[in-house]
Amino acid sequence: MDWQQLVSLMIVAAAAGWLTLNRLRRPRFGFQRDTHCGCSASHRSGELGAIVFRARKGQRPEVLVKMK
């Protein structure tokens, strides 16, 4: 085995080790992933109000904003 094969095998082994460690390590905290919506926990979507869009063929489109 010459030095080029040895270096290439060392690179492959290092990459395999790095990928294995990343697979086994505990994932970092992700705000959007761990809170399921990416919203802050203090606001609830139902408390803020709603926006309703209505559009029918031949009629004017309507946008209704309902604030609570």
PDB file of N, CA and C in Angstrom:
ATOM      1  N   MET A   1       0.859  -1.162   0.000  1.00  0.00           N
ATOM      2  CA  MET A   1       0.000   0.000   0.000  1.00  0.00           C
ATOM      3  C   MET A   1       0.911   1.231   0.000  1.00  0.00           C
ATOM      4  N   ASP A   2       0.708   2.104  -0.985  1.00  0.00           N
ATOM      5  CA  ASP A   2       1.534   3.302  -1.047  1.00  0.00           C
ATOM      6  C   ASP A   2       0.886   4.427  -0.234  1.00  0.00           C
ATOM      7  N   TRP A   3       1.557   5.564  -0.168  1.00  0.00           N
ATOM      8  CA  TRP A   3       1.114   6.650   0.703  1.00  0.00           C
ATOM      9  C   TRP A   3      -0.199   7.280   0.215  1.00  0.00           C
ATOM     10  N   GLN A   4      -0.482   7.261  -1.062  1.00  0.00           N
ATOM     11  CA  GLN A   4      -1.719   7.854  -1.572  1.00  0.00           C
ATOM     12  C   GLN A   4      -2.950   7.042  -1.154  1.00  0.00           C
ATOM     13  N   GLN A   5      -2.809   5.725  -1.183  1.00  0.00           N
ATOM     14  CA  GLN A   5      -3.907   4.880  -0.713  1.00  0.00           C
ATOM     15  C   GLN A   5      -4.125   5.065   0.783  1.00  0.00           C
ATOM     16  N   LEU A   6      -3.032   5.177   1.527  1.00  0.00           N
ATOM     17  CA  LEU A   6      -3.132   5.370   2.972  1.00  0.00           C
ATOM     18  C   LEU A   6      -3.832   6.692   3.298  1.00  0.00           C
ATOM     19  N   VAL A   7      -3.481   7.751   2.604  1.00  0.00           N
ATOM     20  CA  VAL A   7      -4.108   9.055   2.845  1.00  0.00           C
ATOM     21  C   VAL A   7      -5.585   9.010   2.460  1.00  0.00           C
ATOM     22  N   SER A   8      -5.903   8.401   1.329  1.00  0.00           N
ATOM     23  CA  SER A   8      -7.304   8.338   0.918  1.00  0.00           C
ATOM     24  C   SER A   8      -8.131   7.500   1.894  1.00  0.00           C
ATOM     25  N   LEU A   9      -7.591   6.408   2.402  1.00  0.00           N
ATOM     26  CA  LEU A   9      -8.313   5.600   3.391  1.00  0.00           C
ATOM     27  C   LEU A   9      -8.487   6.354   4.709  1.00  0.00           C
ATOM     28  N   MET A  10      -7.499   7.148   5.082  1.00  0.00           N
ATOM     29  CA  MET A  10      -7.623   7.955   6.301  1.00  0.00           C
ATOM     30  C   MET A  10      -8.715   9.019   6.137  1.00  0.00           C
ATOM     31  N   ILE A  11      -8.813   9.617   4.950  1.00  0.00           N
ATOM     32  CA  ILE A  11      -9.866  10.605   4.698  1.00  0.00           C
ATOM     33  C   ILE A  11     -11.237   9.952   4.756  1.00  0.00           C
ATOM     34  N   VAL A  12     -11.365   8.785   4.140  1.00  0.00           N
ATOM     35  CA  VAL A  12     -12.637   8.058   4.161  1.00  0.00           C
ATOM     36  C   VAL A  12     -12.995   7.645   5.580  1.00  0.00           C
ATOM     37  N   ALA A  13     -12.038   7.177   6.355  1.00  0.00           N
ATOM     38  CA  ALA A  13     -12.300   6.766   7.735  1.00  0.00           C
ATOM     39  C   ALA A  13     -12.701   7.969   8.594  1.00  0.00           C
ATOM     40  N   ALA A  14     -12.035   9.106   8.386  1.00  0.00           N
ATOM     41  CA  ALA A  14     -12.386  10.312   9.149  1.00  0.00           C
ATOM     42  C   ALA A  14     -13.806  10.769   8.803  1.00  0.00           C
ATOM     43  N   ALA A  15     -14.171  10.746   7.525  1.00  0.00           N
ATOM     44  CA  ALA A  15     -15.513  11.147   7.120  1.00  0.00           C
ATOM     45  C   ALA A  15     -16.561  10.193   7.687  1.00  0.00           C
ATOM     46  N   ALA A  16     -16.287   8.891   7.662  1.00  0.00           N
ATOM     47  CA  ALA A  16     -17.230   7.911   8.217  1.00  0.00           C
ATOM     48  C   ALA A  16     -17.394   8.106   9.723  1.00  0.00           C
ATOM     49  N   GLY A  17     -16.290   8.351  10.413  1.00  0.00           N
ATOM     50  CA  GLY A  17     -16.363   8.604  11.855  1.00  0.00           C
ATOM     51  C   GLY A  17     -17.145   9.857  12.182  1.00  0.00           C
ATOM     52  N   TRP A  18     -16.933  10.928  11.408  1.00  0.00           N
ATOM     53  CA  TRP A  18     -17.643  12.186  11.619  1.00  0.00           C
ATOM     54  C   TRP A  18     -19.144  12.002  11.394  1.00  0.00           C
ATOM     55  N   LEU A  19     -19.512  11.293  10.324  1.00  0.00           N
ATOM     56  CA  LEU A  19     -20.927  11.047  10.047  1.00  0.00           C
ATOM     57  C   LEU A  19     -21.580  10.174  11.119  1.00  0.00           C
ATOM     58  N   THR A  20     -20.846   9.191  11.625  1.00  0.00           N
ATOM     59  CA  THR A  20     -21.370   8.323  12.672  1.00  0.00           C
ATOM     60  C   THR A  20     -21.596   9.099  13.967  1.00  0.00           C
ATOM     61  N   LEU A  21     -20.653   9.969  14.328  1.00  0.00           N
ATOM     62  CA  LEU A  21     -20.813  10.766  15.542  1.00  0.00           C
ATOM     63  C   LEU A  21     -21.978  11.737  15.420  1.00  0.00           C
ATOM     64  N   ASN A  22     -22.148  12.331  14.254  1.00  0.00           N
ATOM     65  CA  ASN A  22     -23.277  13.238  14.063  1.00  0.00           C
ATOM     66  C   ASN A  22     -24.608  12.503  14.121  1.00  0.00           C
ATOM     67  N   ARG A  23     -24.635  11.275  13.689  1.00  0.00           N
ATOM     68  CA  ARG A  23     -25.867  10.477  13.724  1.00  0.00           C
ATOM     69  C   ARG A  23     -26.220  10.106  15.168  1.00  0.00           C
ATOM     70  N   LEU A  24     -25.223   9.849  15.999  1.00  0.00           N
ATOM     71  CA  LEU A  24     -25.461   9.403  17.369  1.00  0.00           C
ATOM     72  C   LEU A  24     -25.656  10.558  18.350  1.00  0.00           C
ATOM     73  N   ARG A  25     -25.191  11.748  18.003  1.00  0.00           N
ATOM     74  CA  ARG A  25     -25.279  12.879  18.909  1.00  0.00           C
ATOM     75  C   ARG A  25     -26.714  13.374  19.018  1.00  0.00           C
ATOM     76  N   ARG A  26     -27.075  13.878  20.186  1.00  0.00           N
ATOM     77  CA  ARG A  26     -28.412  14.410  20.426  1.00  0.00           C
ATOM     78  C   ARG A  26     -28.600  15.681  19.598  1.00  0.00           C
ATOM     79  N   PRO A  27     -29.753  15.838  18.937  1.00  0.00           N
ATOM     80  CA  PRO A  27     -29.960  17.027  18.095  1.00  0.00           C
ATOM     81  C   PRO A  27     -30.068  18.300  18.929  1.00  0.00           C
ATOM     82  N   ARG A  28     -29.655  19.413  18.338  1.00  0.00           N
ATOM     83  CA  ARG A  28     -29.746  20.701  19.008  1.00  0.00           C
ATOM     84  C   ARG A  28     -31.193  21.147  19.076  1.00  0.00           C
ATOM     85  N   PHE A  29     -31.462  22.095  19.976  1.00  0.00           N
ATOM     86  CA  PHE A  29     -32.799  22.653  20.114  1.00  0.00           C
ATOM     87  C   PHE A  29     -33.102  23.516  18.901  1.00  0.00           C
ATOM     88  N   GLY A  30     -34.205  23.232  18.242  1.00  0.00           N
ATOM     89  CA  GLY A  30     -34.661  24.037  17.112  1.00  0.00           C
ATOM     90  C   GLY A  30     -36.016  24.635  17.471  1.00  0.00           C
ATOM     91  N   PHE A  31     -36.107  25.965  17.513  1.00  0.00           N
ATOM     92  CA  PHE A  31     -37.334  26.605  17.991  1.00  0.00           C
ATOM     93  C   PHE A  31     -38.540  26.213  17.162  1.00  0.00           C
ATOM     94  N   GLN A  32     -38.432  26.278  15.837  1.00  0.00           N
ATOM     95  CA  GLN A  32     -39.578  25.937  14.990  1.00  0.00           C
ATOM     96  C   GLN A  32     -39.919  24.460  15.077  1.00  0.00           C
ATOM     97  N   ARG A  33     -38.909  23.604  15.147  1.00  0.00           N
ATOM     98  CA  ARG A  33     -39.167  22.164  15.197  1.00  0.00           C
ATOM     99  C   ARG A  33     -39.719  21.752  16.555  1.00  0.00           C
ATOM    100  N   ASP A  34     -39.191  22.297  17.649  1.00  0.00           N
ATOM    101  CA  ASP A  34     -39.579  21.849  18.980  1.00  0.00           C
ATOM    102  C   ASP A  34     -40.858  22.492  19.502  1.00  0.00           C
ATOM    103  N   THR A  35     -41.259  23.638  18.948  1.00  0.00           N
ATOM    104  CA  THR A  35     -42.502  24.255  19.387  1.00  0.00           C
ATOM    105  C   THR A  35     -43.638  23.950  18.430  1.00  0.00           C
ATOM    106  N   HIS A  36     -43.375  23.232  17.360  1.00  0.00           N
ATOM    107  CA  HIS A  36     -44.358  22.743  16.395  1.00  0.00           C
ATOM    108  C   HIS A  36     -44.994  23.817  15.522  1.00  0.00           C
ATOM    109  N   CYS A  37     -44.696  25.092  15.765  1.00  0.00           N
ATOM    110  CA  CYS A  37     -45.294  26.095  14.892  1.00  0.00           C
ATOM    111  C   CYS A  37     -44.343  27.243  14.607  1.00  0.00           C
ATOM    112  N   GLY A  38     -43.324  27.439  15.414  1.00  0.00           N
ATOM    113  CA  GLY A  38     -42.422  28.553  15.224  1.00  0.00           C
ATOM    114  C   GLY A  38     -42.937  29.828  15.854  1.00  0.00           C
ATOM    115  N   CYS A  39     -44.082  29.772  16.535  1.00  0.00           N
ATOM    116  CA  CYS A  39     -44.648  30.951  17.188  1.00  0.00           C
ATOM    117  C   CYS A  39     -44.182  30.980  18.639  1.00  0.00           C
ATOM    118  N   SER A  40     -44.197  32.147  19.229  1.00  0.00           N
ATOM    119  CA  SER A  40     -43.869  32.207  20.644  1.00  0.00           C
ATOM    120  C   SER A  40     -45.025  31.604  21.432  1.00  0.00           C
ATOM    121  N   ALA A  41     -44.733  31.015  22.557  1.00  0.00           N
ATOM    122  CA  ALA A  41     -45.735  30.288  23.333  1.00  0.00           C
ATOM    123  C   ALA A  41     -46.720  31.226  24.033  1.00  0.00           C
ATOM    124  N   SER A  42     -46.384  32.517  24.192  1.00  0.00           N
ATOM    125  CA  SER A  42     -47.256  33.410  24.940  1.00  0.00           C
ATOM    126  C   SER A  42     -48.475  33.848  24.136  1.00  0.00           C
ATOM    127  N   HIS A  43     -48.420  33.803  22.799  1.00  0.00           N
ATOM    128  CA  HIS A  43     -49.553  34.212  21.969  1.00  0.00           C
ATOM    129  C   HIS A  43     -50.229  32.986  21.386  1.00  0.00           C
ATOM    130  N   ARG A  44     -51.531  32.988  21.462  1.00  0.00           N
ATOM    131  CA  ARG A  44     -52.299  31.927  20.833  1.00  0.00           C
ATOM    132  C   ARG A  44     -52.994  32.517  19.626  1.00  0.00           C
ATOM    133  N   SER A  45     -53.085  31.757  18.548  1.00  0.00           N
ATOM    134  CA  SER A  45     -53.651  32.289  17.311  1.00  0.00           C
ATOM    135  C   SER A  45     -55.126  32.643  17.457  1.00  0.00           C
ATOM    136  N   GLY A  46     -55.872  31.963  18.318  1.00  0.00           N
ATOM    137  CA  GLY A  46     -57.279  32.245  18.497  1.00  0.00           C
ATOM    138  C   GLY A  46     -57.541  33.540  19.240  1.00  0.00           C
ATOM    139  N   GLU A  47     -56.617  34.004  20.042  1.00  0.00           N
ATOM    140  CA  GLU A  47     -56.808  35.205  20.831  1.00  0.00           C
ATOM    141  C   GLU A  47     -56.555  36.468  20.030  1.00  0.00           C
ATOM    142  N   LEU A  48     -55.826  36.395  18.945  1.00  0.00           N
ATOM    143  CA  LEU A  48     -55.448  37.584  18.206  1.00  0.00           C
ATOM    144  C   LEU A  48     -56.518  38.049  17.237  1.00  0.00           C
ATOM    145  N   GLY A  49     -57.340  37.198  16.743  1.00  0.00           N
ATOM    146  CA  GLY A  49     -58.358  37.567  15.781  1.00  0.00           C
ATOM    147  C   GLY A  49     -58.271  36.672  14.563  1.00  0.00           C
ATOM    148  N   ALA A  50     -58.993  37.082  13.504  1.00  0.00           N
ATOM    149  CA  ALA A  50     -59.013  36.254  12.310  1.00  0.00           C
ATOM    150  C   ALA A  50     -59.166  37.143  11.081  1.00  0.00           C
ATOM    151  N   ILE A  51     -58.690  36.655   9.970  1.00  0.00           N
ATOM    152  CA  ILE A  51     -58.863  37.308   8.685  1.00  0.00           C
ATOM    153  C   ILE A  51     -59.620  36.333   7.793  1.00  0.00           C
ATOM    154  N   VAL A  52     -60.737  36.791   7.226  1.00  0.00           N
ATOM    155  CA  VAL A  52     -61.579  35.939   6.392  1.00  0.00           C
ATOM    156  C   VAL A  52     -61.606  36.538   4.989  1.00  0.00           C
ATOM    157  N   PHE A  53     -61.279  35.723   4.004  1.00  0.00           N
ATOM    158  CA  PHE A  53     -61.318  36.139   2.604  1.00  0.00           C
ATOM    159  C   PHE A  53     -62.531  35.476   1.942  1.00  0.00           C
ATOM    160  N   ARG A  54     -63.336  36.288   1.245  1.00  0.00           N
ATOM    161  CA  ARG A  54     -64.480  35.751   0.509  1.00  0.00           C
ATOM    162  C   ARG A  54     -64.408  36.254  -0.916  1.00  0.00           C
ATOM    163  N   ALA A  55     -64.533  35.359  -1.845  1.00  0.00           N
ATOM    164  CA  ALA A  55     -64.557  35.745  -3.256  1.00  0.00           C
ATOM    165  C   ALA A  55     -65.457  34.769  -3.996  1.00  0.00           C
ATOM    166  N   ARG A  56     -66.444  35.320  -4.694  1.00  0.00           N
ATOM    167  CA  ARG A  56     -67.343  34.509  -5.508  1.00  0.00           C
ATOM    168  C   ARG A  56     -67.380  35.076  -6.906  1.00  0.00           C
ATOM    169  N   LYS A  57     -67.634  34.217  -7.819  1.00  0.00           N
ATOM    170  CA  LYS A  57     -67.664  34.626  -9.227  1.00  0.00           C
ATOM    171  C   LYS A  57     -68.791  35.639  -9.451  1.00  0.00           C
ATOM    172  N   GLY A  58     -68.451  36.776 -10.051  1.00  0.00           N
ATOM    173  CA  GLY A  58     -69.444  37.796 -10.345  1.00  0.00           C
ATOM    174  C   GLY A  58     -69.710  38.764  -9.207  1.00  0.00           C
ATOM    175  N   GLN A  59     -69.084  38.590  -8.040  1.00  0.00           N
ATOM    176  CA  GLN A  59     -69.291  39.479  -6.901  1.00  0.00           C
ATOM    177  C   GLN A  59     -67.971  40.119  -6.489  1.00  0.00           C
ATOM    178  N   ARG A  60     -68.065  41.164  -5.692  1.00  0.00           N
ATOM    179  CA  ARG A  60     -66.861  41.814  -5.187  1.00  0.00           C
ATOM    180  C   ARG A  60     -66.175  40.924  -4.145  1.00  0.00           C
ATOM    181  N   PRO A  61     -64.856  40.848  -4.180  1.00  0.00           N
ATOM    182  CA  PRO A  61     -64.166  40.104  -3.124  1.00  0.00           C
ATOM    183  C   PRO A  61     -64.225  40.879  -1.804  1.00  0.00           C
ATOM    184  N   GLU A  62     -64.306  40.156  -0.705  1.00  0.00           N
ATOM    185  CA  GLU A  62     -64.382  40.765   0.627  1.00  0.00           C
ATOM    186  C   GLU A  62     -63.233  40.247   1.488  1.00  0.00           C
ATOM    187  N   VAL A  63     -62.719  41.146   2.294  1.00  0.00           N
ATOM    188  CA  VAL A  63     -61.718  40.783   3.296  1.00  0.00           C
ATOM    189  C   VAL A  63     -62.246  41.287   4.637  1.00  0.00           C
ATOM    190  N   LEU A  64     -62.527  40.382   5.548  1.00  0.00           N
ATOM    191  CA  LEU A  64     -63.044  40.716   6.869  1.00  0.00           C
ATOM    192  C   LEU A  64     -61.967  40.470   7.911  1.00  0.00           C
ATOM    193  N   VAL A  65     -61.733  41.465   8.762  1.00  0.00           N
ATOM    194  CA  VAL A  65     -60.765  41.326   9.856  1.00  0.00           C
ATOM    195  C   VAL A  65     -61.549  41.359  11.152  1.00  0.00           C
ATOM    196  N   LYS A  66     -61.486  40.274  11.901  1.00  0.00           N
ATOM    197  CA  LYS A  66     -62.211  40.166  13.171  1.00  0.00           C
ATOM    198  C   LYS A  66     -61.190  40.229  14.304  1.00  0.00           C
ATOM    199  N   MET A  67     -61.228  41.275  15.061  1.00  0.00           N
ATOM    200  CA  MET A  67     -60.320  41.428  16.193  1.00  0.00           C
ATOM    201  C   MET A  67     -61.068  41.073  17.477  1.00  0.00           C
ATOM    202  N   LYS A  68     -60.382  40.429  18.397  1.00  0.00           N
ATOM    203  CA  LYS A  68     -60.996  40.075  19.681  1.00  0.00           C
ATOM    204  C   LYS A  68     -60.515  40.987  20.756  1.00  0.00           C
TER     205      LYS A  68
END
